[in-house]
């Protein structure tokens, strides 16, 4: 997805109240198969009209954002589609891209795409707790969102809506004087506050939940490069424990067809090393761009260091 404009047309300061958010929704509808689902449903409706069984039935509208669906049945059909695997697949992609983008299209606008995906899913009633996060820091996609929305490029009201949707149970507990640490609290993640236009202000939401943030650490992460993965200074085959200086049958080493940097003595060595190499394998053009614009590809997040 192309980078979003820095100053989009906006009619409010909350989620789904600016053109950037709506552009992400259109992207998700397309990439997650929702547009195809809509097309199939409307094709069936049109066929029914021809047979005289669906006279007067209006065209259906499907979207990952529930209020954009034409009716409750349409929203339920999208939810069923997402729960069948489309949501988990896209969430997994968003987490991977946030922590280690491999190409320009992986740019998540410092978490903006990942947050809008989660917010849309919650408007449909999808559960995010069962979808894995980044296992080193977050056990679920819900906790991943909880770690990235604070430094994300969102307006204060939008951050307040995310805070309420993710931590509404916690907010009530803190208001009652119970200061359970953030990592001990169960994420509500049921979409309250995601329907747009909440009158809640970000400051009031955050002030009521300062206690659970005590002990949280902030970290910054950027794209993994070959040095990070231990490829520095290889004179021979990059396969771990190999180091052979030529291919098995003689001749020069084989080089990776994508990055053109890492070399192997055989396809077997390359295959065994792929789990490590795929974390940093990029085209020369993408590698250059990420080095020259590294700040663009850096992301911040909060996590529990315990």
Protein backbone atom coordinates (compact mmCIF):
# COMPACT_ATOMS: atom_id res chain seq x y z
CA UNK A 1 0.00 0.00 0.00
CA UNK A 2 1.32 3.46 -0.88
CA UNK A 3 2.26 5.89 1.88
CA UNK A 4 -0.71 7.88 3.11
CA UNK A 5 -0.76 11.70 2.91
CA UNK A 6 0.45 13.54 6.00
CA UNK A 7 -2.46 16.02 6.13
CA UNK A 8 -5.63 14.22 5.00
CA UNK A 9 -9.06 15.85 4.68
CA UNK A 10 -10.74 15.40 8.07
CA UNK A 11 -14.17 16.18 9.48
CA UNK A 12 -13.35 15.15 13.05
CA UNK A 13 -10.54 14.02 15.33
CA UNK A 14 -11.75 10.51 16.05
CA UNK A 15 -11.27 7.18 14.30
CA UNK A 16 -12.85 6.92 10.85
CA UNK A 17 -13.25 10.70 10.69
CA UNK A 18 -10.56 11.41 8.09
CA UNK A 19 -9.72 10.32 4.57
CA UNK A 20 -6.62 8.36 5.67
CA UNK A 21 -8.69 5.97 7.78
CA UNK A 22 -11.22 5.51 4.98
CA UNK A 23 -8.41 4.80 2.51
CA UNK A 24 -7.14 2.05 4.82
CA UNK A 25 -10.66 0.59 4.99
CA UNK A 26 -10.80 0.47 1.20
CA UNK A 27 -7.39 -1.21 1.16
CA UNK A 28 -8.49 -3.81 3.72
CA UNK A 29 -11.77 -4.48 1.90
CA UNK A 30 -9.78 -5.24 -1.23
CA UNK A 31 -6.86 -7.19 0.27
CA UNK A 32 -8.95 -9.29 2.67
CA UNK A 33 -11.39 -10.50 0.03
CA UNK A 34 -14.37 -8.50 1.28
CA UNK A 35 -14.95 -6.87 -2.12
CA UNK A 36 -15.03 -10.32 -3.72
CA UNK A 37 -17.48 -11.49 -1.08
CA UNK A 38 -19.71 -8.50 -1.84
CA UNK A 39 -19.54 -9.16 -5.56
CA UNK A 40 -20.61 -12.80 -5.12
CA UNK A 41 -23.50 -11.79 -2.87
CA UNK A 42 -24.73 -9.16 -5.30
CA UNK A 43 -24.33 -11.54 -8.25
CA UNK A 44 -26.57 -14.01 -6.45
CA UNK A 45 -29.07 -11.23 -5.72
CA UNK A 46 -29.10 -10.15 -9.36
CA UNK A 47 -29.68 -13.76 -10.45
CA UNK A 48 -32.60 -13.90 -8.04
CA UNK A 49 -34.07 -10.76 -9.56
CA UNK A 50 -33.91 -12.33 -13.02
CA UNK A 51 -35.82 -15.33 -11.68
CA UNK A 52 -38.30 -13.04 -9.92
CA UNK A 53 -37.38 -14.21 -6.40
CA UNK A 54 -35.50 -11.09 -5.22
CA UNK A 55 -37.61 -8.24 -6.54
CA UNK A 56 -37.07 -5.05 -4.60
CA UNK A 57 -33.88 -6.26 -2.88
CA UNK A 58 -31.27 -3.49 -2.83
CA UNK A 59 -27.62 -4.08 -3.64
CA UNK A 60 -25.58 -5.22 -0.64
CA UNK A 61 -22.60 -3.34 0.73
CA UNK A 62 -19.87 -5.29 2.56
CA UNK A 63 -16.97 -3.75 4.48
CA UNK A 64 -14.56 -4.54 7.31
CA UNK A 65 -15.98 -1.42 8.99
CA UNK A 66 -19.42 -2.47 10.28
CA UNK A 67 -21.20 0.92 9.91
CA UNK A 68 -20.37 0.82 6.18
CA UNK A 69 -22.19 -2.50 5.71
CA UNK A 70 -25.67 -2.23 4.20
CA UNK A 71 -27.33 -4.13 7.05
CA UNK A 72 -26.71 -6.50 9.97
CA UNK A 73 -26.77 -9.57 7.76
CA UNK A 74 -24.04 -8.07 5.58
CA UNK A 75 -21.93 -7.26 8.64
CA UNK A 76 -22.42 -10.78 9.95
CA UNK A 77 -21.34 -12.24 6.61
CA UNK A 78 -18.13 -10.17 6.71
CA UNK A 79 -17.48 -11.20 10.32
CA UNK A 80 -17.87 -14.86 9.38
CA UNK A 81 -15.44 -14.38 6.49
CA UNK A 82 -12.86 -12.67 8.71
CA UNK A 83 -13.20 -15.25 11.49
CA UNK A 84 -12.64 -18.03 8.95
CA UNK A 85 -9.02 -16.96 8.53
CA UNK A 86 -8.82 -13.67 6.64
CA UNK A 87 -8.44 -11.62 9.83
CA UNK A 88 -5.72 -13.79 11.34
CA UNK A 89 -3.78 -13.73 8.07
CA UNK A 90 -3.87 -9.93 7.81
CA UNK A 91 -3.11 -9.41 11.52
CA UNK A 92 -0.10 -11.69 11.22
CA UNK A 93 1.11 -9.68 8.24
CA UNK A 94 0.64 -6.38 10.09
CA UNK A 95 2.64 -7.57 13.10
CA UNK A 96 5.46 -8.89 10.92
CA UNK A 97 5.60 -5.67 8.90
CA UNK A 98 5.59 -3.50 12.03
CA UNK A 99 8.61 -5.24 13.51
CA UNK A 100 10.52 -6.02 10.32
CA UNK A 101 9.33 -4.65 6.96
CA UNK A 102 10.93 -6.38 3.98
CA UNK A 103 9.73 -4.09 1.17
CA UNK A 104 8.19 -0.61 0.76
CA UNK A 105 4.64 -2.00 0.54
CA UNK A 106 5.11 -3.34 4.09
CA UNK A 107 5.19 0.23 5.47
CA UNK A 108 2.40 0.43 8.07
CA UNK A 109 2.60 4.20 8.64
CA UNK A 110 4.02 3.62 12.13
CA UNK A 111 1.20 1.28 13.07
CA UNK A 112 -1.70 3.24 11.60
CA UNK A 113 -2.77 0.40 9.29
CA UNK A 114 -2.50 -2.18 12.08
CA UNK A 115 -4.65 -0.05 14.39
CA UNK A 116 -7.37 0.61 11.83
CA UNK A 117 -7.48 -3.12 11.06
CA UNK A 118 -8.03 -3.90 14.75
CA UNK A 119 -10.60 -1.14 15.16
CA UNK A 120 -12.56 -2.34 12.13
CA UNK A 121 -12.50 -5.92 13.37
CA UNK A 122 -13.90 -4.81 16.71
CA UNK A 123 -16.80 -2.94 15.05
CA UNK A 124 -17.81 -6.31 13.61
CA UNK A 125 -17.47 -8.05 16.97
CA UNK A 126 -14.41 -10.09 15.99
CA UNK A 127 -12.24 -11.24 18.87
CA UNK A 128 -8.56 -10.31 18.71
CA UNK A 129 -7.31 -12.06 21.86
CA UNK A 130 -7.01 -15.39 20.06
CA UNK A 131 -4.84 -14.00 17.26
CA UNK A 132 -1.09 -14.14 17.99
CA UNK A 133 0.93 -10.96 18.43
CA UNK A 134 4.72 -10.68 18.33
CA UNK A 135 5.60 -13.50 20.72
CA UNK A 136 8.72 -11.80 22.11
CA UNK A 137 6.60 -8.93 23.49
CA UNK A 138 2.87 -9.53 22.90
CA UNK A 139 0.83 -12.67 23.33
CA UNK A 140 -2.09 -11.50 21.20
CA UNK A 141 -3.04 -8.93 18.60
CA UNK A 142 -5.03 -7.10 21.28
CA UNK A 143 -1.96 -6.66 23.45
CA UNK A 144 0.04 -5.67 20.35
CA UNK A 145 -2.45 -2.86 19.70
CA UNK A 146 -2.20 -1.88 23.34
CA UNK A 147 1.54 -1.47 22.93
CA UNK A 148 1.54 0.56 19.71
CA UNK A 149 -1.43 2.95 19.79
CA UNK A 150 0.20 5.45 22.18
CA UNK A 151 3.14 6.38 19.86
CA UNK A 152 1.07 5.94 16.68
CA UNK A 153 0.21 8.93 14.45
CA UNK A 154 -3.36 9.32 15.74
CA UNK A 155 -5.25 12.35 17.05
CA UNK A 156 -5.84 12.48 20.81
CA UNK A 157 -9.52 11.63 20.47
CA UNK A 158 -8.70 8.61 18.31
CA UNK A 159 -6.18 7.39 20.91
CA UNK A 160 -8.85 7.80 23.55
CA UNK A 161 -11.21 5.62 21.54
CA UNK A 162 -8.57 2.93 21.15
CA UNK A 163 -7.78 3.14 24.85
CA UNK A 164 -11.44 2.75 25.80
CA UNK A 165 -12.01 -0.14 23.40
CA UNK A 166 -8.94 -2.08 24.60
CA UNK A 167 -8.97 -1.23 28.28
CA UNK A 168 -12.52 -0.34 29.26
CA UNK A 169 -12.59 -3.04 31.93
CA UNK A 170 -9.29 -1.75 33.29
CA UNK A 171 -10.50 1.85 33.32
CA UNK A 172 -13.46 0.86 35.47
CA UNK A 173 -11.18 -0.99 37.87
CA UNK A 174 -8.79 1.95 38.17
CA UNK A 175 -11.72 4.32 38.75
CA UNK A 176 -12.70 2.03 41.62
CA UNK A 177 -9.19 2.30 43.08
CA UNK A 178 -7.92 -1.07 41.80
CA UNK A 179 -4.49 -0.62 40.21
CA UNK A 180 -3.88 -3.98 38.57
CA UNK A 181 -0.73 -3.81 36.40
CA UNK A 182 -1.34 -3.62 32.66
CA UNK A 183 0.08 -7.03 31.85
CA UNK A 184 -2.15 -8.69 34.45
CA UNK A 185 -5.38 -7.24 33.04
CA UNK A 186 -7.49 -9.01 30.42
CA UNK A 187 -8.12 -6.99 27.28
CA UNK A 188 -11.80 -6.31 26.66
CA UNK A 189 -11.38 -5.82 22.92
CA UNK A 190 -15.10 -5.88 22.24
CA UNK A 191 -15.27 -2.78 20.10
CA UNK A 192 -17.01 -0.36 22.45
CA UNK A 193 -16.14 3.11 21.23
CA UNK A 194 -15.22 2.03 17.70
CA UNK A 195 -18.44 3.11 16.01
CA UNK A 196 -17.13 6.67 15.59
CA UNK A 197 -17.85 10.02 17.17
CA UNK A 198 -17.39 9.20 20.86
CA UNK A 199 -17.56 12.31 23.05
CA UNK A 200 -14.76 10.92 25.22
CA UNK A 201 -11.51 12.93 25.25
CA UNK A 202 -8.12 11.28 25.07
CA UNK A 203 -6.73 13.05 28.14
CA UNK A 204 -9.56 11.96 30.38
CA UNK A 205 -9.21 8.38 29.20
CA UNK A 206 -5.45 8.31 29.71
CA UNK A 207 -5.47 10.12 33.04
CA UNK A 208 -7.80 7.48 34.43
CA UNK A 209 -5.39 4.71 33.49
CA UNK A 210 -1.96 6.00 34.41
CA UNK A 211 -1.53 3.45 37.16
CA UNK A 212 -1.60 0.41 34.84
CA UNK A 213 1.15 1.99 32.70
CA UNK A 214 3.58 2.05 35.60
CA UNK A 215 6.43 -0.35 34.91
CA UNK A 216 5.92 -0.38 31.16
CA UNK A 217 9.01 0.09 28.99
CA UNK A 218 9.24 1.82 25.64
CA UNK A 219 11.32 0.34 22.85
CA UNK A 220 12.11 1.13 19.23
CA UNK A 221 12.54 -1.36 16.43
CA UNK A 222 13.65 -1.11 12.82
CA UNK A 223 14.25 -3.45 9.87
CA UNK A 224 16.60 -6.35 10.55
CA UNK A 225 19.64 -6.27 8.30
CA UNK A 226 22.16 -8.97 7.41
CA UNK A 227 24.52 -7.97 10.22
CA UNK A 228 21.68 -8.40 12.72
CA UNK A 229 21.22 -11.96 11.46
CA UNK A 230 24.93 -12.83 11.64
CA UNK A 231 25.92 -12.58 7.99
CA UNK A 232 28.79 -10.13 8.44
CA UNK A 233 32.21 -11.21 7.15
CA UNK A 234 31.22 -14.44 5.37
CA UNK A 235 33.94 -15.38 2.87
CA UNK A 236 32.41 -18.73 1.94
CA UNK A 237 29.03 -20.41 2.03
CA UNK A 238 26.65 -18.56 4.37
CA UNK A 239 25.00 -21.80 5.46
CA UNK A 240 25.42 -22.09 9.23
CA UNK A 241 28.33 -24.36 10.04
CA UNK A 242 29.40 -24.68 6.40
CA UNK A 243 31.82 -22.03 5.09
CA UNK A 244 32.67 -24.00 1.94
CA UNK A 245 34.46 -21.81 -0.62
CA UNK A 246 32.89 -23.27 -3.76
CA UNK A 247 29.87 -25.22 -4.92
CA UNK A 248 29.83 -28.94 -4.22
CA UNK A 249 30.69 -29.85 -7.83
CA UNK A 250 33.29 -27.10 -8.20
CA UNK A 251 32.98 -23.53 -9.45
CA UNK A 252 31.92 -20.31 -7.81
CA UNK A 253 29.35 -20.01 -5.05
CA UNK A 254 25.67 -19.54 -5.85
CA UNK A 255 24.21 -16.19 -4.78
CA UNK A 256 20.69 -15.42 -3.56
CA UNK A 257 18.61 -14.41 -6.56
CA UNK A 258 16.78 -11.69 -4.62
CA UNK A 259 19.34 -9.80 -2.54
CA UNK A 260 22.39 -10.86 -4.56
CA UNK A 261 24.60 -10.71 -1.47
CA UNK A 262 24.38 -13.96 0.48
CA UNK A 263 26.08 -16.93 -1.19
CA UNK A 264 25.78 -20.70 -0.80
CA UNK A 265 27.61 -23.81 -1.95
CA UNK A 266 24.39 -25.70 -2.69
CA UNK A 267 20.63 -25.40 -2.79
CA UNK A 268 20.51 -27.65 0.25
CA UNK A 269 22.54 -25.15 2.29
CA UNK A 270 20.38 -22.33 0.99
CA UNK A 271 17.18 -24.17 1.93
CA UNK A 272 18.43 -24.93 5.44
CA UNK A 273 19.39 -21.27 5.93
CA UNK A 274 16.15 -19.79 4.58
CA UNK A 275 14.48 -19.48 7.97
CA UNK A 276 17.25 -17.08 9.00
CA UNK A 277 17.82 -15.41 5.64
CA UNK A 278 14.17 -14.58 4.93
CA UNK A 279 14.20 -12.17 7.89
CA UNK A 280 16.62 -9.85 6.07
CA UNK A 281 16.36 -10.78 2.38
CA UNK A 282 15.50 -7.66 0.35
CA UNK A 283 16.17 -6.43 -3.15
CA UNK A 284 19.19 -4.08 -3.46
CA UNK A 285 16.79 -1.19 -4.20
CA UNK A 286 14.70 -1.82 -1.07
CA UNK A 287 17.83 -2.21 1.06
CA UNK A 288 19.12 1.16 -0.16
CA UNK A 289 15.80 2.89 0.49
CA UNK A 290 15.53 1.56 4.03
CA UNK A 291 19.09 2.61 4.82
CA UNK A 292 18.59 6.11 3.43
CA UNK A 293 15.19 6.61 5.10
CA UNK A 294 15.71 4.51 8.22
CA UNK A 295 13.70 6.84 10.47
CA UNK A 296 10.62 6.18 8.33
CA UNK A 297 10.91 2.47 9.02
CA UNK A 298 11.49 2.74 12.78
CA UNK A 299 8.55 1.97 15.07
CA UNK A 300 8.02 2.53 18.80
CA UNK A 301 5.99 0.45 21.23
CA UNK A 302 5.35 -0.09 24.94
CA UNK A 303 5.74 -3.52 26.52
CA UNK A 304 6.00 -5.24 29.88
CA UNK A 305 9.73 -5.92 30.53
CA UNK A 306 9.01 -8.60 33.16
